Structures are given as structure tokens and as C-alpha cells.
Amino acid sequence: MPAPVRGRAGELLVGVVVRAHGLRGELGVDVRTDSPDERFAPGEALVARRAGAADAVLTVESTRDHSGKLLVRFVEVPDRTAAEQWRGTRLLVRAAELAPTDDPDEFHDHELEGLRAELEDGTTVGTVREILHGPAGDLLVLTRPEGDALVPFVHAIVPTVDLDGGRVVLTPPEGLLDPEQ
């Protein structure tokens, strides 16, 4: 699953409309969230942002899976003609509206982005820019003066996430933070 992308301050990308489908106004959506059942639940309101147009709000009417893609009907999109204009629209949610996770070892990406990354001795080594979600696991992308570094987001290397303190503590193996040659 791709890492959620920030929109304007406090907004997270949850999907991109890729095409109109059928005659009833369904939209094919490229999902960009780990929680599509929550983000695209009937009644959910999403900020719709597209180039050259004012932001709009689209309310989910229904969803269904079609050949591995999510098809979404929005209350405000009554037919195919209306659906065609939404191609390329970015669908966003406000980060403040997301409930915190129940698991103390799970975090929303936006909670980690911007945290100071430091070693156990307090030495600052960078800032978390984003989280990459790959098949082998999650990676923190650290912005550093020497260039970006990728850090596996596993307890052995990131034993402490201190949201209140604005930091993650790292115990990287030798060479992990060395700049690429």
C-alpha cells in the first residue's frame, strides 16, 4: 500500500479517481489508505480536490469491489456524464478527524511525519519525512543533511516512539545511516 500523502495542512490522501465506470456514476478509485472500509464507508464525506476547480465535498453512497479495484458511488455524482468530470480528483480526509489507534504500537503516518529522529544518546540524526509501506515492511524516510536515509520501522531499530516528546529513538545497526557513496 502506498504511503499516505499529505494534502494541505492536516489532510491525508486516501484515494485518486482514475475513471468513470458504467452509466450510474460509479468512479474507479485508486485506494491510498490502509483502511478503505472506514474511509469509503457509506455516509463518509471526503474532500475532493482537482486542478482548476474549487474543493468540493463528496459523500460516499456505496462501494463495491470490481476486478481488484474499488468502485465508489457518491451522492453528488448521479450519472456517467457527471462522473467523467471527476477523473484525476484527489480524495482527502482531515487528519484531525481520524481516531487514534487502539494499539499503542500502531501509529497513523501523519503522527510520525515530522518527528525528530535521534539516537539513544540524544544525538539528532534527522527528521521523519514520510513512511513507505512495502511488501517487506514499513520504512521511515529520514531527511538528513547528507541525504535521505531509509530506516526499517521495526522495534529492534525503532524501540521508542515518543509522540508527546516529538521524537523517535533509533538503535540502528552499523552502516544504516551512512550516506550512500
Protein backbone atom coordinates (compact mmCIF):
# COMPACT_ATOMS: atom_id res chain seq x y z
CA MET A 1 0.00 0.00 0.00
CA PRO A 2 1.48 3.41 -0.88
CA ALA A 3 2.22 5.79 1.94
CA PRO A 4 -0.48 8.29 2.61
CA VAL A 5 0.32 11.67 1.15
CA ARG A 6 -0.43 14.95 2.81
CA GLY A 7 -2.66 17.44 1.10
CA ARG A 8 -2.85 20.90 2.57
CA ALA A 9 -2.03 21.16 6.25
CA GLY A 10 -3.76 18.39 8.15
CA GLU A 11 -5.17 16.49 5.15
CA LEU A 12 -4.31 12.98 4.04
CA LEU A 13 -4.78 11.42 0.61
CA VAL A 14 -7.00 8.33 0.74
CA GLY A 15 -7.67 7.81 -2.97
CA VAL A 16 -7.47 9.12 -6.52
CA VAL A 17 -10.31 8.85 -9.02
CA VAL A 18 -8.93 7.04 -12.07
CA ARG A 19 -12.03 6.66 -14.26
CA ALA A 20 -15.78 6.67 -14.61
CA HIS A 21 -17.40 3.23 -14.63
CA GLY A 22 -20.75 2.31 -16.12
CA LEU A 23 -23.78 4.53 -16.59
CA ARG A 24 -24.81 5.05 -12.95
CA GLY A 25 -21.96 7.42 -11.99
CA GLU A 26 -19.62 4.96 -10.29
CA LEU A 27 -15.98 6.02 -10.05
CA GLY A 28 -12.97 3.74 -10.11
CA VAL A 29 -10.70 4.76 -7.24
CA ASP A 30 -7.00 4.00 -6.73
CA VAL A 31 -7.03 3.45 -2.95
CA ARG A 32 -4.24 5.12 -0.96
CA THR A 33 -5.22 4.12 2.56
CA ASP A 34 -4.79 1.06 4.73
CA SER A 35 -8.39 1.46 5.91
CA PRO A 36 -10.60 1.61 2.81
CA ASP A 37 -13.58 0.10 4.65
CA GLU A 38 -13.53 3.05 7.06
CA ARG A 39 -12.58 5.85 4.65
CA PHE A 40 -15.09 4.80 1.96
CA ALA A 41 -17.95 3.74 4.24
CA PRO A 42 -21.43 4.97 3.24
CA GLY A 43 -22.01 8.45 4.63
CA GLU A 44 -18.31 9.37 4.81
CA ALA A 45 -17.56 12.83 3.44
CA LEU A 46 -14.29 13.28 1.54
CA VAL A 47 -12.63 16.47 0.36
CA ALA A 48 -12.40 16.31 -3.45
CA ARG A 49 -9.52 18.32 -4.93
CA ARG A 50 -8.85 18.66 -8.64
CA ALA A 51 -6.80 21.01 -10.74
CA GLY A 52 -8.59 24.14 -11.88
CA ALA A 53 -11.60 23.69 -9.61
CA ALA A 54 -12.60 24.69 -6.10
CA ASP A 55 -12.53 21.97 -3.47
CA ALA A 56 -15.77 20.05 -3.10
CA VAL A 57 -17.15 17.50 -0.67
CA LEU A 58 -18.21 14.11 -1.98
CA THR A 59 -20.34 11.85 0.22
CA VAL A 60 -19.93 8.10 -0.20
CA GLU A 61 -23.20 6.42 -1.15
CA SER A 62 -21.89 2.89 -1.75
CA THR A 63 -18.80 0.92 -2.71
CA ARG A 64 -18.05 -2.40 -4.32
CA ASP A 65 -15.04 -4.36 -5.48
CA HIS A 66 -14.66 -4.87 -9.21
CA SER A 67 -11.68 -6.81 -10.58
CA GLY A 68 -9.50 -5.79 -7.65
CA LYS A 69 -10.41 -2.10 -7.89
CA LEU A 70 -12.75 -0.11 -5.67
CA LEU A 71 -15.82 1.36 -7.35
CA VAL A 72 -17.44 4.19 -5.41
CA ARG A 73 -20.79 5.92 -5.86
CA PHE A 74 -21.03 9.39 -4.42
CA VAL A 75 -24.32 11.11 -3.62
CA GLU A 76 -23.20 14.16 -5.63
CA VAL A 77 -22.40 12.16 -8.80
CA PRO A 78 -25.70 10.98 -10.32
CA ASP A 79 -24.57 9.57 -13.69
CA ARG A 80 -21.68 8.85 -16.04
CA THR A 81 -21.69 12.34 -17.52
CA ALA A 82 -21.18 13.83 -14.07
CA ALA A 83 -18.64 11.11 -13.21
CA GLU A 84 -16.38 11.97 -16.16
CA GLN A 85 -15.50 15.37 -14.69
CA TRP A 86 -14.07 13.80 -11.52
CA ARG A 87 -11.24 11.86 -13.23
CA GLY A 88 -7.91 12.69 -11.55
CA THR A 89 -9.58 14.03 -8.40
CA ARG A 90 -7.63 13.55 -5.18
CA LEU A 91 -9.82 12.33 -2.30
CA LEU A 92 -8.70 13.53 1.12
CA VAL A 93 -9.67 13.29 4.79
CA ARG A 94 -8.82 15.70 7.56
CA ALA A 95 -6.19 14.15 9.83
CA ALA A 96 -7.86 15.64 12.92
CA GLU A 97 -10.93 13.52 12.17
CA LEU A 98 -9.02 10.24 12.41
CA ALA A 99 -9.47 8.39 15.67
CA PRO A 100 -6.28 7.35 17.43
CA THR A 101 -5.40 3.69 17.09
CA ASP A 102 -6.22 1.32 19.95
CA ASP A 103 -2.82 -0.36 19.78
CA PRO A 104 0.00 1.57 21.50
CA ASP A 105 2.44 0.16 18.93
CA GLU A 106 0.46 1.36 15.89
CA PHE A 107 0.50 4.88 14.52
CA HIS A 108 -1.09 6.85 11.72
CA ASP A 109 1.52 8.02 9.24
CA HIS A 110 0.72 11.67 9.91
CA GLU A 111 1.56 11.17 13.60
CA LEU A 112 5.10 10.07 12.71
CA GLU A 113 5.82 12.55 9.94
CA GLY A 114 7.83 15.48 11.26
CA LEU A 115 9.14 13.70 14.36
CA ARG A 116 12.80 14.24 15.26
CA ALA A 117 14.87 11.06 14.85
CA GLU A 118 17.56 10.64 17.45
CA LEU A 119 19.94 8.03 18.78
CA GLU A 120 19.71 6.65 22.33
CA ASP A 121 22.30 9.21 23.48
CA GLY A 122 20.07 12.07 22.27
CA THR A 123 22.04 12.88 19.09
CA THR A 124 19.64 14.12 16.42
CA VAL A 125 20.14 12.23 13.14
CA GLY A 126 17.24 13.56 11.05
CA THR A 127 13.53 14.14 10.74
CA VAL A 128 10.87 11.63 9.68
CA ARG A 129 9.66 12.88 6.29
CA GLU A 130 7.34 10.03 5.36
CA ILE A 131 6.55 6.36 5.84
CA LEU A 132 6.87 3.92 2.95
CA HIS A 133 4.68 0.82 3.08
CA GLY A 134 6.21 -2.06 1.18
CA PRO A 135 5.67 -5.80 0.94
CA ALA A 136 8.65 -6.45 3.22
CA GLY A 137 7.51 -3.95 5.86
CA ASP A 138 7.36 -0.26 6.64
CA LEU A 139 10.27 2.15 6.28
CA LEU A 140 10.78 5.56 7.86
CA VAL A 141 12.24 8.04 5.38
CA LEU A 142 14.55 10.35 7.31
CA THR A 143 15.57 13.71 5.93
CA ARG A 144 19.22 14.30 6.80
CA PRO A 145 21.81 16.87 5.70
CA GLU A 146 23.77 14.06 3.99
CA GLY A 147 20.68 12.87 2.11
CA ASP A 148 17.66 10.76 2.89
CA ALA A 149 18.01 7.53 4.85
CA LEU A 150 15.60 4.60 4.92
CA VAL A 151 15.10 3.02 8.34
CA PRO A 152 13.12 -0.21 8.81
CA PHE A 153 10.24 0.57 11.15
CA VAL A 154 10.76 -2.41 13.44
CA HIS A 155 11.03 -2.46 17.22
CA ALA A 156 14.66 -3.62 17.15
CA ILE A 157 15.72 -0.44 15.30
CA VAL A 158 12.99 1.99 16.45
CA PRO A 159 12.37 0.93 20.06
CA THR A 160 10.74 4.20 21.13
CA VAL A 161 8.09 6.38 19.52
CA ASP A 162 7.50 9.38 21.77
CA LEU A 163 4.67 11.38 20.20
CA ASP A 164 4.42 13.76 23.17
CA GLY A 165 8.18 14.40 23.02
CA GLY A 166 8.12 14.78 19.22
CA ARG A 167 10.73 12.10 18.59
CA VAL A 168 11.57 8.57 17.60
CA VAL A 169 14.60 6.89 19.15
CA LEU A 170 16.77 4.74 16.89
CA THR A 171 19.23 1.94 17.59
CA PRO A 172 20.48 1.47 14.02
CA PRO A 173 22.88 -1.29 13.05
CA GLU A 174 26.30 -0.13 11.89
CA GLY A 175 26.20 1.49 8.47
CA LEU A 176 22.43 2.00 8.26
CA LEU A 177 22.67 5.79 8.48
CA ASP A 178 25.85 6.13 6.44
CA PRO A 179 25.41 8.26 3.31
CA GLU A 180 25.32 6.35 0.02
CA GLN A 181 28.59 6.60 -1.87
